[in-house]
Protein backbone atom coordinates (compact mmCIF):
# COMPACT_ATOMS: atom_id res chain seq x y z
CA UNK A 1 0.18 0.01 -0.26
CA UNK A 2 1.46 3.57 -1.37
CA UNK A 3 2.36 5.77 1.41
CA UNK A 4 1.15 9.44 1.51
CA UNK A 5 2.86 12.46 2.34
CA UNK A 6 2.06 13.73 6.27
CA UNK A 7 3.28 16.63 5.27
CA UNK A 8 0.54 17.86 2.69
CA UNK A 9 -3.15 19.05 2.95
CA UNK A 10 -5.60 17.12 1.45
CA UNK A 11 -9.35 17.05 1.39
CA UNK A 12 -11.67 14.13 0.61
CA UNK A 13 -14.99 14.51 -0.22
CA UNK A 14 -18.20 12.31 -1.86
CA UNK A 15 -17.01 9.50 0.60
CA UNK A 16 -20.54 7.99 0.98
CA UNK A 17 -21.45 8.31 -2.58
CA UNK A 18 -18.11 6.55 -3.34
CA UNK A 19 -18.52 3.86 -1.22
CA UNK A 20 -22.39 2.68 -0.86
CA UNK A 21 -23.03 0.39 1.44
CA UNK A 22 -23.32 -2.98 -0.41
CA UNK A 23 -26.08 -5.47 0.34
CA UNK A 24 -24.12 -8.25 2.66
CA UNK A 25 -20.98 -6.53 2.18
CA UNK A 26 -18.44 -4.73 4.39
CA UNK A 27 -16.20 -3.04 2.26
CA UNK A 28 -13.91 0.33 2.47
CA UNK A 29 -12.10 3.37 0.94
CA UNK A 30 -8.42 4.30 2.59
CA UNK A 31 -8.97 7.83 2.93
CA UNK A 32 -5.11 8.51 4.33
CA UNK A 33 -2.36 6.36 4.94
CA UNK A 34 0.97 7.84 5.87
CA UNK A 35 3.74 7.16 8.13
CA UNK A 36 2.25 8.04 11.12
CA UNK A 37 -1.59 7.28 10.68
CA UNK A 38 -3.92 5.42 8.25
CA UNK A 39 -7.76 6.31 8.10
CA UNK A 40 -10.35 4.35 6.73
CA UNK A 41 -14.05 4.49 6.13
CA UNK A 42 -15.85 1.53 6.33
CA UNK A 43 -19.72 0.65 4.90
CA UNK A 44 -21.03 -2.60 6.18
CA UNK A 45 -24.73 -3.72 6.24
CA UNK A 46 -27.04 -5.25 8.39
CA UNK A 47 -25.38 -8.60 10.00
CA UNK A 48 -22.19 -7.97 8.53
CA UNK A 49 -19.04 -8.57 11.48
CA UNK A 50 -15.12 -8.52 11.71
CA UNK A 51 -14.37 -11.40 13.94
CA UNK A 52 -12.32 -10.53 17.00
CA UNK A 53 -8.45 -8.75 15.80
CA UNK A 54 -6.02 -6.80 17.56
CA UNK A 55 -3.86 -3.88 15.80
CA UNK A 56 -0.36 -2.98 16.64
CA UNK A 57 -1.59 0.74 16.52
CA UNK A 58 -3.69 2.73 18.40
CA UNK A 59 -7.42 2.71 16.62
CA UNK A 60 -9.63 5.45 17.44
CA UNK A 61 -13.59 4.17 15.88
CA UNK A 62 -15.83 7.02 15.18
CA UNK A 63 -19.30 5.47 13.92
CA UNK A 64 -20.50 8.15 11.69
CA UNK A 65 -24.06 6.28 10.69
CA UNK A 66 -26.40 3.41 11.48
CA UNK A 67 -25.85 1.12 14.96
CA UNK A 68 -23.54 -1.26 15.55
CA UNK A 69 -22.31 -3.67 18.51
CA UNK A 70 -18.70 -3.45 19.64
CA UNK A 71 -16.94 -5.80 21.57
CA UNK A 72 -13.81 -5.01 23.22
CA UNK A 73 -13.02 -8.27 24.91
CA UNK A 74 -16.37 -10.00 26.53
CA UNK A 75 -17.22 -6.65 27.07
CA UNK A 76 -20.27 -5.16 24.81
CA UNK A 77 -20.93 -1.71 23.77
CA UNK A 78 -23.76 -0.66 21.20
CA UNK A 79 -22.82 2.26 19.18
CA UNK A 80 -24.95 4.58 17.67
CA UNK A 81 -24.25 7.40 15.11
CA UNK A 82 -21.26 9.92 16.58
CA UNK A 83 -19.84 7.31 19.16
CA UNK A 84 -16.00 6.95 19.62
CA UNK A 85 -13.98 4.18 20.74
CA UNK A 86 -10.11 4.53 21.32
CA UNK A 87 -8.61 1.34 21.32
CA UNK A 88 -4.63 0.85 22.88
CA UNK A 89 -2.62 -0.72 20.90
CA UNK A 90 -3.03 -4.71 21.09
CA UNK A 91 -6.57 -4.66 22.24
CA UNK A 92 -8.14 -7.10 21.43
CA UNK A 93 -12.23 -6.12 19.84
CA UNK A 94 -14.95 -7.43 17.28
CA UNK A 95 -18.02 -5.66 16.13
CA UNK A 96 -21.38 -6.28 13.99
CA UNK A 97 -23.65 -4.06 11.74
CA UNK A 98 -26.75 -4.08 13.73
CA UNK A 99 -28.38 -1.77 10.92
CA UNK A 100 -26.53 -0.47 7.44
CA UNK A 101 -23.43 1.32 8.92
CA UNK A 102 -20.54 3.96 8.17
CA UNK A 103 -17.73 3.58 10.21
CA UNK A 104 -14.60 5.67 9.99
CA UNK A 105 -11.14 4.06 12.08
CA UNK A 106 -8.22 6.01 12.37
CA UNK A 107 -5.10 3.89 13.37
CA UNK A 108 -1.79 5.99 14.30
CA UNK A 109 1.48 4.63 14.89
CA UNK A 110 2.45 5.91 18.67
CA UNK A 111 6.04 5.31 18.49
CA UNK A 112 6.20 8.04 16.16
CA UNK A 113 5.58 9.75 19.48
CA UNK A 114 7.54 11.03 22.23
CA UNK A 115 6.67 8.93 25.64
CA UNK A 116 6.15 12.81 27.43
CA UNK A 117 3.92 13.74 25.03
CA UNK A 118 1.20 10.78 25.34
CA UNK A 119 1.66 11.33 29.45
CA UNK A 120 0.21 15.09 29.06
CA UNK A 121 -2.61 14.33 26.25
C-alpha cells in the first residue's frame, strides 16, 4: 500500500457516494495512509461483522451512521452515530452491524510520538 506524505494537506469529499453500502458486504476506502496514521471509512450492511482481532497501532473508531455492536474483549457496547471508541495498541475487539453502518477508523502509530507527549495528552 502506497504511503502519502504527512506534510501535505488533503481534502476528500463524497466518500459515502464513492462507498455505497452493498447488500451483505463490508467494503472500505482508505482516505489517508502515511507513516504516522491510516484513516479508513467502512460501509457495512446489517449483519456484517469483523471477527476478533487487534492492531499494533492505537485505534480510534467513530460510528458515522447506523447502529453497531462493538466488543472489547468480552465487554459489549452498542454504538450509535457519533459514538467514539479509543483502543490501545494490541486491544482485542470485534464488531457487528445491527443496521447499515458507516464507520471511520483511524490507526495511529504511537511509536512516532515521544513518551512525554503521550503523558500530557
